[in-house]
Amino acid sequence: MAGDRIIGEISAGLNLLVGIAATDTDTEVDWMARKCLDLRLFADGDGKPWSKSIVDIQGEILVVSQFTLYGDCRQGRRPSFSASASPDSAQPLYDLFVSKLQQSNLTIATGKFGAMMSVEIENDGPVTMILER
């Protein structure tokens, strides 16, 4: 939500918190989109875990820009965001990532790039993955 307005929402699927690093290029975006679509994160009909991809289950994806994923807290008492891409560099790559996901013909919803948002996530199991190339 941005303010009191719902920007994007999905039912069953993936919530992707996407941070763009200052060193990211179209190559990383291509890799990440393909990886997100192909990863086997869901159980099959018999309950066997890690058997189906988001494409296999025809799930939905919510993409939220999250530059703070690159907050480095190793030194000092304040995070450093020097590894994050600037908004001018990050937005085109974020938009490219979303467009690559949309090519899957799945339902793809987004937040609002750069906005302060309240994001509600209901996890079906305590699973969080970090993708870095």
N, C-alpha and C. Protein backbone atom coordinates (compact mmCIF):
# COMPACT_ATOMS: atom_id res chain seq x y z
N MET A 1 0.84 -1.18 0.00
CA MET A 1 0.00 0.00 0.00
C MET A 1 0.88 1.24 0.00
N ALA A 2 0.50 2.19 -0.78
CA ALA A 2 1.13 3.50 -0.75
C ALA A 2 0.05 4.45 -0.26
N GLY A 3 0.26 4.99 0.93
CA GLY A 3 -0.81 5.76 1.56
C GLY A 3 -1.91 4.80 1.96
N ASP A 4 -3.12 5.09 1.58
CA ASP A 4 -4.25 4.20 1.87
C ASP A 4 -4.68 3.41 0.63
N ARG A 5 -3.88 3.45 -0.41
CA ARG A 5 -4.26 2.84 -1.68
C ARG A 5 -3.48 1.56 -1.94
N ILE A 6 -4.18 0.48 -2.29
CA ILE A 6 -3.51 -0.76 -2.66
C ILE A 6 -2.99 -0.61 -4.08
N ILE A 7 -1.70 -0.84 -4.25
CA ILE A 7 -1.04 -0.68 -5.55
C ILE A 7 -1.04 -2.02 -6.29
N GLY A 8 -0.67 -3.09 -5.61
CA GLY A 8 -0.61 -4.40 -6.23
C GLY A 8 -0.86 -5.48 -5.21
N GLU A 9 -1.52 -6.55 -5.63
CA GLU A 9 -1.74 -7.68 -4.74
C GLU A 9 -1.88 -8.94 -5.56
N ILE A 10 -1.58 -10.07 -4.92
CA ILE A 10 -1.68 -11.37 -5.57
C ILE A 10 -2.33 -12.35 -4.61
N SER A 11 -2.68 -13.51 -5.15
CA SER A 11 -3.10 -14.61 -4.29
C SER A 11 -1.87 -15.51 -4.13
N ALA A 12 -1.97 -16.80 -4.38
CA ALA A 12 -0.85 -17.72 -4.17
C ALA A 12 0.27 -17.47 -5.17
N GLY A 13 1.48 -17.41 -4.67
CA GLY A 13 2.62 -17.21 -5.55
C GLY A 13 3.84 -16.74 -4.82
N LEU A 14 4.56 -15.83 -5.44
CA LEU A 14 5.82 -15.33 -4.90
C LEU A 14 5.75 -13.83 -4.65
N ASN A 15 6.35 -13.41 -3.55
CA ASN A 15 6.56 -11.99 -3.27
C ASN A 15 8.06 -11.76 -3.43
N LEU A 16 8.44 -11.00 -4.45
CA LEU A 16 9.84 -10.74 -4.73
C LEU A 16 10.20 -9.34 -4.28
N LEU A 17 11.10 -9.25 -3.30
CA LEU A 17 11.64 -7.96 -2.86
C LEU A 17 12.92 -7.77 -3.67
N VAL A 18 12.92 -6.79 -4.56
CA VAL A 18 13.98 -6.66 -5.55
C VAL A 18 14.85 -5.45 -5.25
N GLY A 19 16.11 -5.73 -4.97
CA GLY A 19 17.10 -4.68 -4.81
C GLY A 19 18.03 -4.68 -6.00
N ILE A 20 18.31 -3.53 -6.54
CA ILE A 20 19.23 -3.41 -7.68
C ILE A 20 20.54 -2.83 -7.18
N ALA A 21 21.62 -3.58 -7.42
CA ALA A 21 22.95 -3.13 -7.00
C ALA A 21 23.52 -2.17 -8.04
N ALA A 22 24.44 -1.35 -7.59
CA ALA A 22 25.09 -0.39 -8.48
C ALA A 22 25.83 -1.09 -9.61
N THR A 23 26.21 -2.34 -9.43
CA THR A 23 26.96 -3.08 -10.45
C THR A 23 26.06 -3.92 -11.36
N ASP A 24 24.75 -3.95 -11.12
CA ASP A 24 23.85 -4.78 -11.92
C ASP A 24 23.69 -4.23 -13.34
N THR A 25 23.49 -5.17 -14.26
CA THR A 25 23.29 -4.85 -15.68
C THR A 25 22.11 -5.65 -16.21
N ASP A 26 21.81 -5.49 -17.48
CA ASP A 26 20.76 -6.28 -18.12
C ASP A 26 21.03 -7.78 -17.98
N THR A 27 22.29 -8.17 -17.98
CA THR A 27 22.65 -9.59 -17.86
C THR A 27 22.17 -10.16 -16.53
N GLU A 28 22.38 -9.44 -15.44
CA GLU A 28 21.90 -9.91 -14.13
C GLU A 28 20.37 -9.95 -14.09
N VAL A 29 19.74 -8.96 -14.69
CA VAL A 29 18.28 -8.91 -14.71
C VAL A 29 17.72 -10.11 -15.48
N ASP A 30 18.30 -10.43 -16.62
CA ASP A 30 17.87 -11.61 -17.39
C ASP A 30 18.00 -12.87 -16.55
N TRP A 31 19.14 -13.04 -15.92
CA TRP A 31 19.40 -14.22 -15.10
C TRP A 31 18.40 -14.31 -13.95
N MET A 32 18.19 -13.19 -13.25
CA MET A 32 17.28 -13.21 -12.10
C MET A 32 15.84 -13.51 -12.51
N ALA A 33 15.38 -12.93 -13.59
CA ALA A 33 14.00 -13.20 -14.04
C ALA A 33 13.85 -14.68 -14.37
N ARG A 34 14.78 -15.22 -15.13
CA ARG A 34 14.71 -16.65 -15.50
C ARG A 34 14.77 -17.53 -14.25
N LYS A 35 15.65 -17.19 -13.33
CA LYS A 35 15.81 -17.97 -12.09
C LYS A 35 14.53 -17.94 -11.27
N CYS A 36 13.92 -16.77 -11.14
CA CYS A 36 12.67 -16.66 -10.37
C CYS A 36 11.55 -17.48 -10.99
N LEU A 37 11.51 -17.54 -12.30
CA LEU A 37 10.47 -18.31 -12.99
C LEU A 37 10.73 -19.82 -12.94
N ASP A 38 12.00 -20.21 -12.90
CA ASP A 38 12.35 -21.63 -13.01
C ASP A 38 12.61 -22.35 -11.68
N LEU A 39 12.89 -21.60 -10.62
CA LEU A 39 13.19 -22.25 -9.34
C LEU A 39 12.05 -23.14 -8.89
N ARG A 40 12.37 -24.31 -8.43
CA ARG A 40 11.37 -25.25 -7.91
C ARG A 40 11.20 -24.98 -6.42
N LEU A 41 10.20 -24.20 -6.11
CA LEU A 41 9.94 -23.77 -4.74
C LEU A 41 8.65 -24.34 -4.16
N PHE A 42 7.85 -25.01 -4.98
CA PHE A 42 6.52 -25.44 -4.57
C PHE A 42 6.41 -26.96 -4.58
N ALA A 43 5.53 -27.46 -3.72
CA ALA A 43 5.29 -28.91 -3.64
C ALA A 43 4.45 -29.36 -4.83
N ASP A 44 4.59 -30.64 -5.16
CA ASP A 44 3.74 -31.20 -6.21
C ASP A 44 2.42 -31.66 -5.59
N GLY A 45 1.56 -32.27 -6.37
CA GLY A 45 0.25 -32.71 -5.90
C GLY A 45 0.31 -33.76 -4.81
N ASP A 46 1.44 -34.48 -4.71
CA ASP A 46 1.62 -35.50 -3.68
C ASP A 46 2.29 -34.95 -2.43
N GLY A 47 2.54 -33.65 -2.41
CA GLY A 47 3.17 -33.02 -1.25
C GLY A 47 4.69 -33.08 -1.26
N LYS A 48 5.29 -33.58 -2.35
CA LYS A 48 6.75 -33.63 -2.43
C LYS A 48 7.28 -32.21 -2.59
N PRO A 49 8.06 -31.73 -1.62
CA PRO A 49 8.53 -30.33 -1.67
C PRO A 49 9.55 -30.11 -2.77
N TRP A 50 9.69 -28.83 -3.16
CA TRP A 50 10.71 -28.38 -4.09
C TRP A 50 10.56 -29.08 -5.45
N SER A 51 9.33 -29.25 -5.90
CA SER A 51 9.08 -29.99 -7.14
C SER A 51 8.58 -29.12 -8.29
N LYS A 52 7.91 -28.03 -7.99
CA LYS A 52 7.25 -27.24 -9.04
C LYS A 52 7.74 -25.79 -9.00
N SER A 53 7.79 -25.19 -10.18
CA SER A 53 8.13 -23.77 -10.28
C SER A 53 6.86 -22.94 -10.23
N ILE A 54 7.02 -21.65 -10.16
CA ILE A 54 5.87 -20.74 -10.20
C ILE A 54 5.13 -20.88 -11.53
N VAL A 55 5.86 -21.15 -12.61
CA VAL A 55 5.23 -21.37 -13.91
C VAL A 55 4.42 -22.66 -13.89
N ASP A 56 5.00 -23.72 -13.30
CA ASP A 56 4.31 -25.01 -13.23
C ASP A 56 2.97 -24.91 -12.53
N ILE A 57 2.91 -24.11 -11.46
CA ILE A 57 1.66 -24.01 -10.69
C ILE A 57 0.78 -22.87 -11.17
N GLN A 58 1.25 -22.12 -12.18
CA GLN A 58 0.53 -20.95 -12.69
C GLN A 58 0.20 -19.98 -11.55
N GLY A 59 1.20 -19.76 -10.68
CA GLY A 59 1.05 -18.84 -9.57
C GLY A 59 1.17 -17.39 -10.02
N GLU A 60 1.10 -16.51 -9.05
CA GLU A 60 1.19 -15.07 -9.32
C GLU A 60 2.44 -14.52 -8.65
N ILE A 61 2.91 -13.38 -9.13
CA ILE A 61 4.12 -12.77 -8.59
C ILE A 61 3.86 -11.31 -8.24
N LEU A 62 4.26 -10.91 -7.04
CA LEU A 62 4.24 -9.51 -6.63
C LEU A 62 5.69 -9.05 -6.54
N VAL A 63 6.04 -8.02 -7.29
CA VAL A 63 7.40 -7.48 -7.34
C VAL A 63 7.41 -6.13 -6.62
N VAL A 64 8.25 -6.02 -5.61
CA VAL A 64 8.35 -4.79 -4.82
C VAL A 64 9.80 -4.30 -4.85
N SER A 65 10.01 -3.06 -5.27
CA SER A 65 11.36 -2.49 -5.26
C SER A 65 11.80 -2.29 -3.81
N GLN A 66 13.04 -2.67 -3.52
CA GLN A 66 13.51 -2.67 -2.13
C GLN A 66 15.00 -2.35 -2.10
N PHE A 67 15.36 -1.09 -2.32
CA PHE A 67 16.78 -0.74 -2.37
C PHE A 67 17.47 -1.03 -1.05
N THR A 68 16.73 -1.07 0.05
CA THR A 68 17.35 -1.28 1.36
C THR A 68 17.89 -2.70 1.52
N LEU A 69 17.61 -3.60 0.57
CA LEU A 69 18.21 -4.93 0.64
C LEU A 69 19.72 -4.85 0.59
N TYR A 70 20.23 -3.76 0.04
CA TYR A 70 21.67 -3.59 -0.03
C TYR A 70 22.22 -2.75 1.12
N GLY A 71 21.48 -2.64 2.20
CA GLY A 71 21.96 -1.95 3.39
C GLY A 71 23.05 -2.77 4.06
N ASP A 72 24.22 -2.22 4.17
CA ASP A 72 25.37 -2.91 4.77
C ASP A 72 25.54 -2.41 6.21
N CYS A 73 25.38 -3.31 7.15
CA CYS A 73 25.43 -2.96 8.58
C CYS A 73 26.67 -3.50 9.27
N ARG A 74 27.69 -3.87 8.51
CA ARG A 74 28.88 -4.47 9.12
C ARG A 74 29.68 -3.49 9.96
N GLN A 75 29.63 -2.21 9.61
CA GLN A 75 30.41 -1.24 10.36
C GLN A 75 29.52 -0.11 10.84
N GLY A 76 29.89 0.47 11.95
CA GLY A 76 29.16 1.62 12.46
C GLY A 76 27.77 1.25 12.97
N ARG A 77 26.97 2.28 13.20
CA ARG A 77 25.62 2.08 13.73
C ARG A 77 24.52 2.45 12.74
N ARG A 78 24.92 2.88 11.56
CA ARG A 78 23.95 3.19 10.52
C ARG A 78 24.27 2.35 9.29
N PRO A 79 23.24 1.89 8.59
CA PRO A 79 23.52 1.12 7.38
C PRO A 79 24.09 2.01 6.28
N SER A 80 24.94 1.41 5.47
CA SER A 80 25.46 2.08 4.28
C SER A 80 24.71 1.52 3.08
N PHE A 81 24.27 2.39 2.20
CA PHE A 81 23.56 1.96 1.00
C PHE A 81 24.40 2.21 -0.25
N SER A 82 25.72 2.27 -0.09
CA SER A 82 26.59 2.59 -1.22
C SER A 82 26.58 1.50 -2.29
N ALA A 83 26.19 0.27 -1.95
CA ALA A 83 26.13 -0.81 -2.95
C ALA A 83 24.84 -0.74 -3.78
N SER A 84 23.85 0.01 -3.31
CA SER A 84 22.58 0.14 -4.04
C SER A 84 22.74 1.05 -5.25
N ALA A 85 22.04 0.69 -6.31
CA ALA A 85 22.03 1.57 -7.48
C ALA A 85 21.23 2.82 -7.15
N SER A 86 21.58 3.92 -7.80
CA SER A 86 20.80 5.14 -7.63
C SER A 86 19.42 4.91 -8.27
N PRO A 87 18.40 5.64 -7.82
CA PRO A 87 17.07 5.46 -8.43
C PRO A 87 17.07 5.62 -9.95
N ASP A 88 17.87 6.56 -10.48
CA ASP A 88 17.92 6.76 -11.93
C ASP A 88 18.48 5.54 -12.67
N SER A 89 19.41 4.84 -12.03
CA SER A 89 19.97 3.62 -12.63
C SER A 89 19.12 2.40 -12.34
N ALA A 90 18.52 2.36 -11.15
CA ALA A 90 17.78 1.17 -10.72
C ALA A 90 16.43 1.03 -11.41
N GLN A 91 15.73 2.12 -11.62
CA GLN A 91 14.37 2.00 -12.15
C GLN A 91 14.32 1.34 -13.52
N PRO A 92 15.18 1.69 -14.48
CA PRO A 92 15.11 0.99 -15.76
C PRO A 92 15.38 -0.52 -15.63
N LEU A 93 16.29 -0.90 -14.74
CA LEU A 93 16.57 -2.33 -14.54
C LEU A 93 15.41 -3.02 -13.84
N TYR A 94 14.81 -2.34 -12.88
CA TYR A 94 13.62 -2.88 -12.21
C TYR A 94 12.49 -3.07 -13.23
N ASP A 95 12.26 -2.07 -14.06
CA ASP A 95 11.21 -2.15 -15.08
C ASP A 95 11.50 -3.28 -16.07
N LEU A 96 12.77 -3.46 -16.42
CA LEU A 96 13.16 -4.55 -17.32
C LEU A 96 12.88 -5.90 -16.66
N PHE A 97 13.20 -6.02 -15.38
CA PHE A 97 12.93 -7.25 -14.63
C PHE A 97 11.44 -7.58 -14.66
N VAL A 98 10.61 -6.59 -14.38
CA VAL A 98 9.16 -6.79 -14.40
C VAL A 98 8.70 -7.22 -15.80
N SER A 99 9.22 -6.56 -16.83
CA SER A 99 8.80 -6.91 -18.20
C SER A 99 9.23 -8.32 -18.57
N LYS A 100 10.39 -8.76 -18.10
CA LYS A 100 10.84 -10.14 -18.36
C LYS A 100 9.89 -11.13 -17.68
N LEU A 101 9.46 -10.83 -16.46
CA LEU A 101 8.52 -11.71 -15.77
C LEU A 101 7.17 -11.73 -16.49
N GLN A 102 6.74 -10.59 -16.99
CA GLN A 102 5.46 -10.50 -17.69
C GLN A 102 5.43 -11.36 -18.95
N GLN A 103 6.58 -11.62 -19.54
CA GLN A 103 6.65 -12.47 -20.73
C GLN A 103 6.23 -13.91 -20.43
N SER A 104 6.17 -14.28 -19.15
CA SER A 104 5.77 -15.63 -18.75
C SER A 104 4.26 -15.84 -18.87
N ASN A 105 3.52 -14.76 -19.05
CA ASN A 105 2.05 -14.77 -19.07
C ASN A 105 1.42 -15.11 -17.73
N LEU A 106 2.20 -15.06 -16.66
CA LEU A 106 1.64 -15.18 -15.31
C LEU A 106 1.10 -13.81 -14.91
N THR A 107 0.29 -13.78 -13.85
CA THR A 107 -0.15 -12.51 -13.28
C THR A 107 1.03 -11.91 -12.53
N ILE A 108 1.44 -10.71 -12.93
CA ILE A 108 2.55 -10.00 -12.29
C ILE A 108 2.01 -8.68 -11.77
N ALA A 109 2.08 -8.48 -10.47
CA ALA A 109 1.67 -7.22 -9.85
C ALA A 109 2.93 -6.55 -9.30
N THR A 110 2.88 -5.24 -9.15
CA THR A 110 4.04 -4.51 -8.62
C THR A 110 3.59 -3.53 -7.56
N GLY A 111 4.58 -3.09 -6.80
CA GLY A 111 4.40 -1.94 -5.94
C GLY A 111 4.70 -0.70 -6.78
N LYS A 112 4.94 0.41 -6.13
CA LYS A 112 5.30 1.65 -6.83
C LYS A 112 6.77 1.90 -6.58
N PHE A 113 7.55 1.94 -7.63
CA PHE A 113 8.99 2.11 -7.50
C PHE A 113 9.32 3.36 -6.70
N GLY A 114 10.17 3.20 -5.70
CA GLY A 114 10.66 4.33 -4.92
C GLY A 114 9.70 4.87 -3.87
N ALA A 115 8.48 4.32 -3.79
CA ALA A 115 7.50 4.84 -2.83
C ALA A 115 7.69 4.19 -1.46
N MET A 116 7.28 4.91 -0.45
CA MET A 116 7.20 4.33 0.90
C MET A 116 5.92 3.50 0.91
N MET A 117 6.06 2.19 1.14
CA MET A 117 4.91 1.29 1.06
C MET A 117 4.81 0.44 2.31
N SER A 118 3.62 0.06 2.61
CA SER A 118 3.34 -0.93 3.65
C SER A 118 3.04 -2.24 2.92
N VAL A 119 3.89 -3.25 3.13
CA VAL A 119 3.75 -4.51 2.42
C VAL A 119 3.35 -5.60 3.41
N GLU A 120 2.22 -6.24 3.13
CA GLU A 120 1.79 -7.37 3.94
C GLU A 120 2.14 -8.65 3.20
N ILE A 121 2.83 -9.55 3.90
CA ILE A 121 3.24 -10.82 3.30
C ILE A 121 2.74 -11.94 4.21
N GLU A 122 2.04 -12.88 3.61
CA GLU A 122 1.62 -14.07 4.35
C GLU A 122 2.41 -15.25 3.81
N ASN A 123 3.38 -15.73 4.60
CA ASN A 123 4.22 -16.83 4.17
C ASN A 123 3.54 -18.16 4.41
N ASP A 124 3.61 -19.02 3.43
CA ASP A 124 3.16 -20.40 3.56
C ASP A 124 4.40 -21.24 3.83
N GLY A 125 4.82 -21.20 5.07
CA GLY A 125 6.08 -21.84 5.43
C GLY A 125 7.15 -20.78 5.57
N PRO A 126 8.11 -21.02 6.40
CA PRO A 126 9.17 -20.02 6.64
C PRO A 126 10.28 -20.12 5.61
N VAL A 127 9.97 -19.74 4.36
CA VAL A 127 10.96 -19.86 3.30
C VAL A 127 11.25 -18.48 2.72
N THR A 128 12.51 -18.10 2.77
CA THR A 128 12.98 -16.87 2.15
C THR A 128 14.26 -17.21 1.41
N MET A 129 14.34 -16.84 0.16
CA MET A 129 15.52 -17.10 -0.66
C MET A 129 16.17 -15.78 -1.03
N ILE A 130 17.50 -15.81 -1.10
CA ILE A 130 18.26 -14.65 -1.58
C ILE A 130 18.94 -15.07 -2.87
N LEU A 131 18.72 -14.29 -3.93
CA LEU A 131 19.35 -14.58 -5.21
C LEU A 131 20.39 -13.52 -5.50
N GLU A 132 21.61 -13.94 -5.69
CA GLU A 132 22.71 -13.06 -6.11
C GLU A 132 23.46 -13.81 -7.18
N ARG A 133 23.86 -13.12 -8.18
CA ARG A 133 24.63 -13.75 -9.26
C ARG A 133 26.09 -13.49 -9.05
